[in-house]
């Protein structure tokens, strides 16, 4: 016997399957560390309910365009992953990249979790690799929480979180 569209046996309405959230990841070929793999692995540890959209660009000044492309492809949130070199021009590029990311975020009304590691933040390559991995993973948790556990990120408000380094902790000086 034929059923009306959207009806299950017995006349009950079928609940449409929940749409998977889409998390965009934009990384760069300039980076000296595979940040996308760290992000994807950490997102997998947090849970499911999403699919990854990935896009790779040459450098950090291209991150904003990559993020916009992924938003146009349906991303609910985008992580942008990049490395800032040691030269003055690299720092200028990082500032320009950040302005671009802020513009895309403001015009789309969607979050961009910008993850940048400055090459000079660590004294040797081993520590730099650890910083890349830890900062990327901690931001991946933030991304997951923004989409699926907003109460978890809200609970961390005012606690001095530092992605990639030990947390600073909350300030309580002089308060009752």
C-alpha atoms as a PDB file:
ATOM      1  CA  UNK A   1       0.000   0.000   0.000  1.00  0.00           C
ATOM      2  CA  UNK A   2       1.372   3.424  -0.915  1.00  0.00           C
ATOM      3  CA  UNK A   3       1.920   5.969   1.853  1.00  0.00           C
ATOM      4  CA  UNK A   4       1.636   9.697   1.688  1.00  0.00           C
ATOM      5  CA  UNK A   5       5.039  11.414   1.525  1.00  0.00           C
ATOM      6  CA  UNK A   6       6.529  11.963   4.972  1.00  0.00           C
ATOM      7  CA  UNK A   7       4.272   9.370   6.617  1.00  0.00           C
ATOM      8  CA  UNK A   8       5.493   6.211   8.321  1.00  0.00           C
ATOM      9  CA  UNK A   9       3.508   3.020   8.761  1.00  0.00           C
ATOM     10  CA  UNK A  10       0.494   3.636  10.983  1.00  0.00           C
ATOM     11  CA  UNK A  11       0.128   7.237   9.781  1.00  0.00           C
ATOM     12  CA  UNK A  12       2.867   8.670  12.016  1.00  0.00           C
ATOM     13  CA  UNK A  13       4.998  11.457  10.633  1.00  0.00           C
ATOM     14  CA  UNK A  14       8.633  10.559  10.128  1.00  0.00           C
ATOM     15  CA  UNK A  15      11.130  12.795  11.846  1.00  0.00           C
ATOM     16  CA  UNK A  16      13.607  14.003   9.248  1.00  0.00           C
ATOM     17  CA  UNK A  17      17.195  13.081  10.073  1.00  0.00           C
ATOM     18  CA  UNK A  18      19.085  15.863  11.832  1.00  0.00           C
ATOM     19  CA  UNK A  19      21.337  17.833   9.513  1.00  0.00           C
ATOM     20  CA  UNK A  20      24.996  17.335  10.243  1.00  0.00           C
ATOM     21  CA  UNK A  21      26.799  20.518  11.176  1.00  0.00           C
ATOM     22  CA  UNK A  22      29.613  21.481   8.841  1.00  0.00           C
ATOM     23  CA  UNK A  23      32.954  22.530  10.280  1.00  0.00           C
ATOM     24  CA  UNK A  24      35.260  24.198   7.799  1.00  0.00           C
ATOM     25  CA  UNK A  25      39.021  23.931   8.111  1.00  0.00           C
ATOM     26  CA  UNK A  26      41.280  26.212   6.105  1.00  0.00           C
ATOM     27  CA  UNK A  27      45.007  25.573   6.375  1.00  0.00           C
ATOM     28  CA  UNK A  28      48.083  26.847   4.554  1.00  0.00           C
ATOM     29  CA  UNK A  29      50.991  25.359   2.654  1.00  0.00           C
ATOM     30  CA  UNK A  30      53.263  27.984   4.301  1.00  0.00           C
ATOM     31  CA  UNK A  31      52.841  26.428   7.735  1.00  0.00           C
ATOM     32  CA  UNK A  32      55.611  24.110   8.894  1.00  0.00           C
ATOM     33  CA  UNK A  33      53.166  21.879  10.821  1.00  0.00           C
ATOM     34  CA  UNK A  34      50.078  19.955   9.673  1.00  0.00           C
ATOM     35  CA  UNK A  35      47.597  21.817  11.842  1.00  0.00           C
ATOM     36  CA  UNK A  36      44.562  20.408  10.017  1.00  0.00           C
ATOM     37  CA  UNK A  37      45.362  16.855  11.091  1.00  0.00           C
ATOM     38  CA  UNK A  38      45.572  17.945  14.743  1.00  0.00           C
ATOM     39  CA  UNK A  39      42.250  19.796  14.440  1.00  0.00           C
ATOM     40  CA  UNK A  40      40.484  16.895  12.739  1.00  0.00           C
ATOM     41  CA  UNK A  41      41.811  14.351  15.250  1.00  0.00           C
ATOM     42  CA  UNK A  42      40.749  16.491  18.219  1.00  0.00           C
ATOM     43  CA  UNK A  43      37.298  17.183  16.784  1.00  0.00           C
ATOM     44  CA  UNK A  44      36.871  13.414  16.428  1.00  0.00           C
ATOM     45  CA  UNK A  45      37.685  12.948  20.109  1.00  0.00           C
ATOM     46  CA  UNK A  46      34.990  15.455  21.083  1.00  0.00           C
ATOM     47  CA  UNK A  47      32.094  13.654  19.438  1.00  0.00           C
ATOM     48  CA  UNK A  48      30.126  13.496  16.208  1.00  0.00           C
ATOM     49  CA  UNK A  49      27.281  15.274  14.484  1.00  0.00           C
ATOM     50  CA  UNK A  50      29.436  17.104  11.944  1.00  0.00           C
ATOM     51  CA  UNK A  51      31.266  16.746   8.692  1.00  0.00           C
ATOM     52  CA  UNK A  52      34.543  18.440   7.765  1.00  0.00           C
ATOM     53  CA  UNK A  53      34.901  20.765   4.790  1.00  0.00           C
ATOM     54  CA  UNK A  54      38.589  21.364   4.074  1.00  0.00           C
ATOM     55  CA  UNK A  55      40.320  23.943   1.911  1.00  0.00           C
ATOM     56  CA  UNK A  56      44.052  24.666   1.657  1.00  0.00           C
ATOM     57  CA  UNK A  57      45.503  28.040   0.637  1.00  0.00           C
ATOM     58  CA  UNK A  58      49.110  29.187   0.103  1.00  0.00           C
ATOM     59  CA  UNK A  59      49.475  31.565   3.054  1.00  0.00           C
ATOM     60  CA  UNK A  60      47.747  33.398   5.883  1.00  0.00           C
ATOM     61  CA  UNK A  61      46.586  36.339   3.745  1.00  0.00           C
ATOM     62  CA  UNK A  62      44.465  33.810   1.822  1.00  0.00           C
ATOM     63  CA  UNK A  63      42.707  32.424   4.911  1.00  0.00           C
ATOM     64  CA  UNK A  64      39.797  34.887   4.732  1.00  0.00           C
ATOM     65  CA  UNK A  65      38.984  33.931   1.140  1.00  0.00           C
ATOM     66  CA  UNK A  66      39.185  30.248   2.077  1.00  0.00           C
ATOM     67  CA  UNK A  67      36.840  30.795   5.015  1.00  0.00           C
ATOM     68  CA  UNK A  68      34.334  32.654   2.822  1.00  0.00           C
ATOM     69  CA  UNK A  69      34.444  29.849   0.258  1.00  0.00           C
ATOM     70  CA  UNK A  70      33.663  27.284   2.974  1.00  0.00           C
ATOM     71  CA  UNK A  71      30.834  29.417   4.382  1.00  0.00           C
ATOM     72  CA  UNK A  72      29.419  29.604   0.848  1.00  0.00           C
ATOM     73  CA  UNK A  73      29.617  25.787   0.744  1.00  0.00           C
ATOM     74  CA  UNK A  74      27.506  25.566   3.918  1.00  0.00           C
ATOM     75  CA  UNK A  75      30.009  25.623   6.783  1.00  0.00           C
ATOM     76  CA  UNK A  76      28.473  26.532  10.139  1.00  0.00           C
ATOM     77  CA  UNK A  77      31.846  27.515  11.617  1.00  0.00           C
ATOM     78  CA  UNK A  78      35.352  27.696  10.155  1.00  0.00           C
ATOM     79  CA  UNK A  79      38.719  27.120  11.773  1.00  0.00           C
ATOM     80  CA  UNK A  80      41.552  28.956  10.032  1.00  0.00           C
ATOM     81  CA  UNK A  81      44.996  27.540  10.684  1.00  0.00           C
ATOM     82  CA  UNK A  82      48.198  29.366   9.896  1.00  0.00           C
ATOM     83  CA  UNK A  83      51.782  30.094  10.820  1.00  0.00           C
ATOM     84  CA  UNK A  84      53.348  33.532  11.125  1.00  0.00           C
ATOM     85  CA  UNK A  85      57.017  33.622  10.168  1.00  0.00           C
ATOM     86  CA  UNK A  86      59.822  35.443  11.990  1.00  0.00           C
ATOM     87  CA  UNK A  87      60.220  38.378   9.608  1.00  0.00           C
ATOM     88  CA  UNK A  88      58.597  41.802  10.056  1.00  0.00           C
ATOM     89  CA  UNK A  89      56.726  41.342   6.792  1.00  0.00           C
ATOM     90  CA  UNK A  90      55.223  38.123   8.200  1.00  0.00           C
ATOM     91  CA  UNK A  91      53.805  40.026  11.160  1.00  0.00           C
ATOM     92  CA  UNK A  92      52.340  42.614   8.779  1.00  0.00           C
ATOM     93  CA  UNK A  93      50.755  39.772   6.803  1.00  0.00           C
ATOM     94  CA  UNK A  94      49.293  38.342  10.017  1.00  0.00           C
ATOM     95  CA  UNK A  95      47.651  41.670  10.811  1.00  0.00           C
ATOM     96  CA  UNK A  96      46.241  41.930   7.287  1.00  0.00           C
ATOM     97  CA  UNK A  97      45.007  38.338   7.518  1.00  0.00           C
ATOM     98  CA  UNK A  98      43.287  39.040  10.827  1.00  0.00           C
ATOM     99  CA  UNK A  99      41.504  42.087   9.387  1.00  0.00           C
ATOM    100  CA  UNK A 100      40.267  39.902   6.537  1.00  0.00           C
ATOM    101  CA  UNK A 101      39.069  37.183   8.912  1.00  0.00           C
ATOM    102  CA  UNK A 102      37.243  39.726  11.073  1.00  0.00           C
ATOM    103  CA  UNK A 103      35.514  41.124   7.990  1.00  0.00           C
ATOM    104  CA  UNK A 104      34.328  37.693   6.835  1.00  0.00           C
ATOM    105  CA  UNK A 105      33.154  36.851  10.345  1.00  0.00           C
ATOM    106  CA  UNK A 106      31.216  40.116  10.664  1.00  0.00           C
ATOM    107  CA  UNK A 107      29.612  39.893   7.224  1.00  0.00           C
ATOM    108  CA  UNK A 108      28.585  36.231   7.498  1.00  0.00           C
ATOM    109  CA  UNK A 109      27.534  36.352  11.153  1.00  0.00           C
ATOM    110  CA  UNK A 110      29.355  33.064  11.699  1.00  0.00           C
ATOM    111  CA  UNK A 111      32.328  32.191  13.860  1.00  0.00           C
ATOM    112  CA  UNK A 112      35.851  31.907  12.544  1.00  0.00           C
ATOM    113  CA  UNK A 113      38.197  30.323  15.038  1.00  0.00           C
ATOM    114  CA  UNK A 114      41.508  31.808  13.961  1.00  0.00           C
ATOM    115  CA  UNK A 115      44.498  29.732  15.030  1.00  0.00           C
ATOM    116  CA  UNK A 116      47.860  31.316  14.357  1.00  0.00           C
ATOM    117  CA  UNK A 117      51.219  30.257  15.692  1.00  0.00           C
ATOM    118  CA  UNK A 118      54.134  32.666  15.460  1.00  0.00           C
ATOM    119  CA  UNK A 119      57.349  30.885  14.561  1.00  0.00           C
ATOM    120  CA  UNK A 120      59.250  32.861  17.206  1.00  0.00           C
ATOM    121  CA  UNK A 121      56.994  31.693  20.059  1.00  0.00           C
ATOM    122  CA  UNK A 122      59.208  28.691  20.797  1.00  0.00           C
ATOM    123  CA  UNK A 123      62.940  28.354  21.330  1.00  0.00           C
ATOM    124  CA  UNK A 124      63.391  25.149  19.326  1.00  0.00           C
ATOM    125  CA  UNK A 125      61.583  23.106  16.694  1.00  0.00           C
ATOM    126  CA  UNK A 126      60.370  20.436  19.114  1.00  0.00           C
ATOM    127  CA  UNK A 127      58.703  23.031  21.355  1.00  0.00           C
ATOM    128  CA  UNK A 128      57.304  24.781  18.293  1.00  0.00           C
ATOM    129  CA  UNK A 129      55.726  21.540  17.055  1.00  0.00           C
ATOM    130  CA  UNK A 130      54.217  20.943  20.500  1.00  0.00           C
ATOM    131  CA  UNK A 131      52.819  24.491  20.508  1.00  0.00           C
ATOM    132  CA  UNK A 132      51.286  24.036  17.044  1.00  0.00           C
ATOM    133  CA  UNK A 133      49.626  20.809  18.129  1.00  0.00           C
ATOM    134  CA  UNK A 134      48.375  21.976  21.528  1.00  0.00           C
ATOM    135  CA  UNK A 135      47.037  25.348  20.362  1.00  0.00           C
ATOM    136  CA  UNK A 136      45.267  23.771  17.396  1.00  0.00           C
ATOM    137  CA  UNK A 137      43.695  21.043  19.533  1.00  0.00           C
ATOM    138  CA  UNK A 138      42.527  23.484  22.214  1.00  0.00           C
ATOM    139  CA  UNK A 139      40.913  25.678  19.567  1.00  0.00           C
ATOM    140  CA  UNK A 140      39.282  22.594  18.009  1.00  0.00           C
ATOM    141  CA  UNK A 141      37.627  21.975  21.389  1.00  0.00           C
ATOM    142  CA  UNK A 142      36.423  25.601  21.377  1.00  0.00           C
ATOM    143  CA  UNK A 143      34.996  25.131  17.887  1.00  0.00           C
ATOM    144  CA  UNK A 144      33.167  21.961  18.881  1.00  0.00           C
ATOM    145  CA  UNK A 145      31.852  23.596  22.033  1.00  0.00           C
ATOM    146  CA  UNK A 146      30.543  26.639  20.145  1.00  0.00           C
ATOM    147  CA  UNK A 147      28.481  24.351  17.909  1.00  0.00           C
ATOM    148  CA  UNK A 148      27.465  21.546  20.262  1.00  0.00           C
ATOM    149  CA  UNK A 149      28.166  22.484  23.895  1.00  0.00           C
ATOM    150  CA  UNK A 150      27.767  26.247  24.295  1.00  0.00           C
ATOM    151  CA  UNK A 151      27.303  25.780  28.037  1.00  0.00           C
ATOM    152  CA  UNK A 152      30.842  24.332  28.243  1.00  0.00           C
ATOM    153  CA  UNK A 153      32.487  27.353  26.668  1.00  0.00           C
ATOM    154  CA  UNK A 154      30.247  29.643  28.737  1.00  0.00           C
ATOM    155  CA  UNK A 155      31.508  27.902  31.894  1.00  0.00           C
ATOM    156  CA  UNK A 156      35.076  28.866  30.909  1.00  0.00           C
ATOM    157  CA  UNK A 157      34.245  32.593  30.670  1.00  0.00           C
ATOM    158  CA  UNK A 158      36.575  34.697  32.783  1.00  0.00           C
ATOM    159  CA  UNK A 159      38.895  31.803  33.618  1.00  0.00           C
ATOM    160  CA  UNK A 160      41.995  33.025  31.748  1.00  0.00           C
ATOM    161  CA  UNK A 161      42.162  30.259  29.147  1.00  0.00           C
ATOM    162  CA  UNK A 162      45.325  30.270  27.009  1.00  0.00           C
ATOM    163  CA  UNK A 163      45.403  28.030  23.962  1.00  0.00           C
ATOM    164  CA  UNK A 164      48.826  26.478  23.583  1.00  0.00           C
ATOM    165  CA  UNK A 165      50.162  27.570  26.981  1.00  0.00           C
ATOM    166  CA  UNK A 166      49.157  27.019  30.603  1.00  0.00           C
ATOM    167  CA  UNK A 167      46.000  28.937  31.476  1.00  0.00           C
ATOM    168  CA  UNK A 168      46.475  32.264  33.260  1.00  0.00           C
ATOM    169  CA  UNK A 169      43.559  31.681  35.636  1.00  0.00           C
ATOM    170  CA  UNK A 170      40.927  34.176  36.758  1.00  0.00           C
ATOM    171  CA  UNK A 171      41.691  37.452  38.521  1.00  0.00           C
ATOM    172  CA  UNK A 172      40.299  37.751  42.038  1.00  0.00           C
ATOM    173  CA  UNK A 173      42.593  40.397  43.554  1.00  0.00           C
ATOM    174  CA  UNK A 174      40.800  42.897  45.781  1.00  0.00           C
ATOM    175  CA  UNK A 175      37.366  41.343  45.355  1.00  0.00           C
ATOM    176  CA  UNK A 176      35.338  39.828  48.173  1.00  0.00           C
END
